């Protein structure tokens, strides 16, 4: 049907964010891998609230300052491990 959003289009932005932030969730092992996150110059902050990975949930905020992207985890529930790779 013309004008109806396609399923692949609805998830495109999330896939782009996952790619530029280097996020790889491993729900069976309760790990979130973060590999060299890089926000583009036009985007200074991205915040995920209540992000669920396996049985765990977290809030995570990515911030770009002076060309460097970093992240903070102000809230986490469960035994999720967050592993940063460069």
C-alpha atoms as a PDB file:
ATOM      1  CA  UNK A   1       0.000   0.000   0.000  1.00  0.00           C
ATOM      2  CA  UNK A   2       1.475   3.372  -0.987  1.00  0.00           C
ATOM      3  CA  UNK A   3       2.245   5.625   1.938  1.00  0.00           C
ATOM      4  CA  UNK A   4       2.437   2.802   4.479  1.00  0.00           C
ATOM      5  CA  UNK A   5       5.796   2.611   6.247  1.00  0.00           C
ATOM      6  CA  UNK A   6       7.769  -0.512   5.523  1.00  0.00           C
ATOM      7  CA  UNK A   7       9.092  -2.587   8.436  1.00  0.00           C
ATOM      8  CA  UNK A   8      12.698  -2.186   7.277  1.00  0.00           C
ATOM      9  CA  UNK A   9      12.308   1.604   7.121  1.00  0.00           C
ATOM     10  CA  UNK A  10      11.016   1.792  10.693  1.00  0.00           C
ATOM     11  CA  UNK A  11      14.173   0.134  12.048  1.00  0.00           C
ATOM     12  CA  UNK A  12      16.655   1.997   9.856  1.00  0.00           C
ATOM     13  CA  UNK A  13      17.448   4.779  12.341  1.00  0.00           C
ATOM     14  CA  UNK A  14      18.058   2.298  15.154  1.00  0.00           C
ATOM     15  CA  UNK A  15      20.442   0.339  12.926  1.00  0.00           C
ATOM     16  CA  UNK A  16      22.309   3.541  12.019  1.00  0.00           C
ATOM     17  CA  UNK A  17      22.653   4.462  15.708  1.00  0.00           C
ATOM     18  CA  UNK A  18      23.793   0.933  16.571  1.00  0.00           C
ATOM     19  CA  UNK A  19      26.445   1.169  13.869  1.00  0.00           C
ATOM     20  CA  UNK A  20      27.873   4.624  14.701  1.00  0.00           C
ATOM     21  CA  UNK A  21      27.849   3.891  18.435  1.00  0.00           C
ATOM     22  CA  UNK A  22      29.460   0.475  17.974  1.00  0.00           C
ATOM     23  CA  UNK A  23      26.782  -1.297  20.017  1.00  0.00           C
ATOM     24  CA  UNK A  24      26.674  -5.082  19.943  1.00  0.00           C
ATOM     25  CA  UNK A  25      24.252  -6.603  22.453  1.00  0.00           C
ATOM     26  CA  UNK A  26      24.934 -10.185  23.554  1.00  0.00           C
ATOM     27  CA  UNK A  27      21.748 -10.999  25.485  1.00  0.00           C
ATOM     28  CA  UNK A  28      22.508 -14.719  26.121  1.00  0.00           C
ATOM     29  CA  UNK A  29      25.765 -13.746  27.884  1.00  0.00           C
ATOM     30  CA  UNK A  30      24.344 -10.548  29.434  1.00  0.00           C
ATOM     31  CA  UNK A  31      26.980  -8.287  27.808  1.00  0.00           C
ATOM     32  CA  UNK A  32      26.788  -5.011  25.897  1.00  0.00           C
ATOM     33  CA  UNK A  33      29.857  -4.465  23.718  1.00  0.00           C
ATOM     34  CA  UNK A  34      30.663  -0.827  22.882  1.00  0.00           C
ATOM     35  CA  UNK A  35      33.235  -0.623  20.083  1.00  0.00           C
ATOM     36  CA  UNK A  36      34.720   2.799  19.278  1.00  0.00           C
ATOM     37  CA  UNK A  37      31.543   4.934  19.435  1.00  0.00           C
ATOM     38  CA  UNK A  38      31.666   7.952  17.113  1.00  0.00           C
ATOM     39  CA  UNK A  39      28.920  10.547  16.962  1.00  0.00           C
ATOM     40  CA  UNK A  40      28.936  12.674  13.786  1.00  0.00           C
ATOM     41  CA  UNK A  41      29.706  16.424  14.084  1.00  0.00           C
ATOM     42  CA  UNK A  42      26.027  17.353  13.780  1.00  0.00           C
ATOM     43  CA  UNK A  43      24.961  15.111  16.683  1.00  0.00           C
ATOM     44  CA  UNK A  44      26.279  15.927  20.164  1.00  0.00           C
ATOM     45  CA  UNK A  45      24.177  13.631  22.350  1.00  0.00           C
ATOM     46  CA  UNK A  46      22.189  10.402  22.161  1.00  0.00           C
ATOM     47  CA  UNK A  47      20.347   8.980  25.166  1.00  0.00           C
ATOM     48  CA  UNK A  48      18.710   5.572  25.470  1.00  0.00           C
ATOM     49  CA  UNK A  49      16.360   5.112  28.424  1.00  0.00           C
ATOM     50  CA  UNK A  50      15.294   1.727  29.743  1.00  0.00           C
ATOM     51  CA  UNK A  51      17.250  -0.142  27.047  1.00  0.00           C
ATOM     52  CA  UNK A  52      16.679  -3.864  27.546  1.00  0.00           C
ATOM     53  CA  UNK A  53      19.416  -6.433  26.906  1.00  0.00           C
ATOM     54  CA  UNK A  54      18.426  -9.912  28.002  1.00  0.00           C
ATOM     55  CA  UNK A  55      17.097  -9.730  31.564  1.00  0.00           C
ATOM     56  CA  UNK A  56      18.877  -6.409  32.254  1.00  0.00           C
ATOM     57  CA  UNK A  57      17.903  -2.785  31.635  1.00  0.00           C
ATOM     58  CA  UNK A  58      19.972   0.372  31.505  1.00  0.00           C
ATOM     59  CA  UNK A  59      20.049   4.046  30.650  1.00  0.00           C
ATOM     60  CA  UNK A  60      23.079   5.015  28.547  1.00  0.00           C
ATOM     61  CA  UNK A  61      24.043   8.432  27.199  1.00  0.00           C
ATOM     62  CA  UNK A  62      26.605   9.089  24.470  1.00  0.00           C
ATOM     63  CA  UNK A  63      28.127  12.586  24.282  1.00  0.00           C
ATOM     64  CA  UNK A  64      30.505  14.140  21.752  1.00  0.00           C
ATOM     65  CA  UNK A  65      32.860  16.877  22.967  1.00  0.00           C
ATOM     66  CA  UNK A  66      35.806  18.224  20.981  1.00  0.00           C
ATOM     67  CA  UNK A  67      35.481  15.366  18.502  1.00  0.00           C
ATOM     68  CA  UNK A  68      35.585  12.623  21.139  1.00  0.00           C
ATOM     69  CA  UNK A  69      32.557  10.435  21.899  1.00  0.00           C
ATOM     70  CA  UNK A  70      32.167   9.081  25.425  1.00  0.00           C
ATOM     71  CA  UNK A  71      29.336   7.454  27.314  1.00  0.00           C
ATOM     72  CA  UNK A  72      27.882   7.252  30.799  1.00  0.00           C
ATOM     73  CA  UNK A  73      25.542   4.726  32.383  1.00  0.00           C
ATOM     74  CA  UNK A  74      23.553   6.572  35.053  1.00  0.00           C
ATOM     75  CA  UNK A  75      21.190   3.667  35.738  1.00  0.00           C
ATOM     76  CA  UNK A  76      21.512  -0.100  35.367  1.00  0.00           C
ATOM     77  CA  UNK A  77      19.318  -2.927  36.630  1.00  0.00           C
ATOM     78  CA  UNK A  78      20.559  -6.489  36.452  1.00  0.00           C
ATOM     79  CA  UNK A  79      23.962  -8.055  36.019  1.00  0.00           C
ATOM     80  CA  UNK A  80      24.690  -6.672  32.552  1.00  0.00           C
ATOM     81  CA  UNK A  81      28.388  -6.202  31.804  1.00  0.00           C
ATOM     82  CA  UNK A  82      29.365  -3.300  29.587  1.00  0.00           C
ATOM     83  CA  UNK A  83      32.616  -3.899  27.718  1.00  0.00           C
ATOM     84  CA  UNK A  84      34.360  -1.037  25.893  1.00  0.00           C
ATOM     85  CA  UNK A  85      36.577  -1.906  22.936  1.00  0.00           C
ATOM     86  CA  UNK A  86      38.721   0.410  20.815  1.00  0.00           C
END
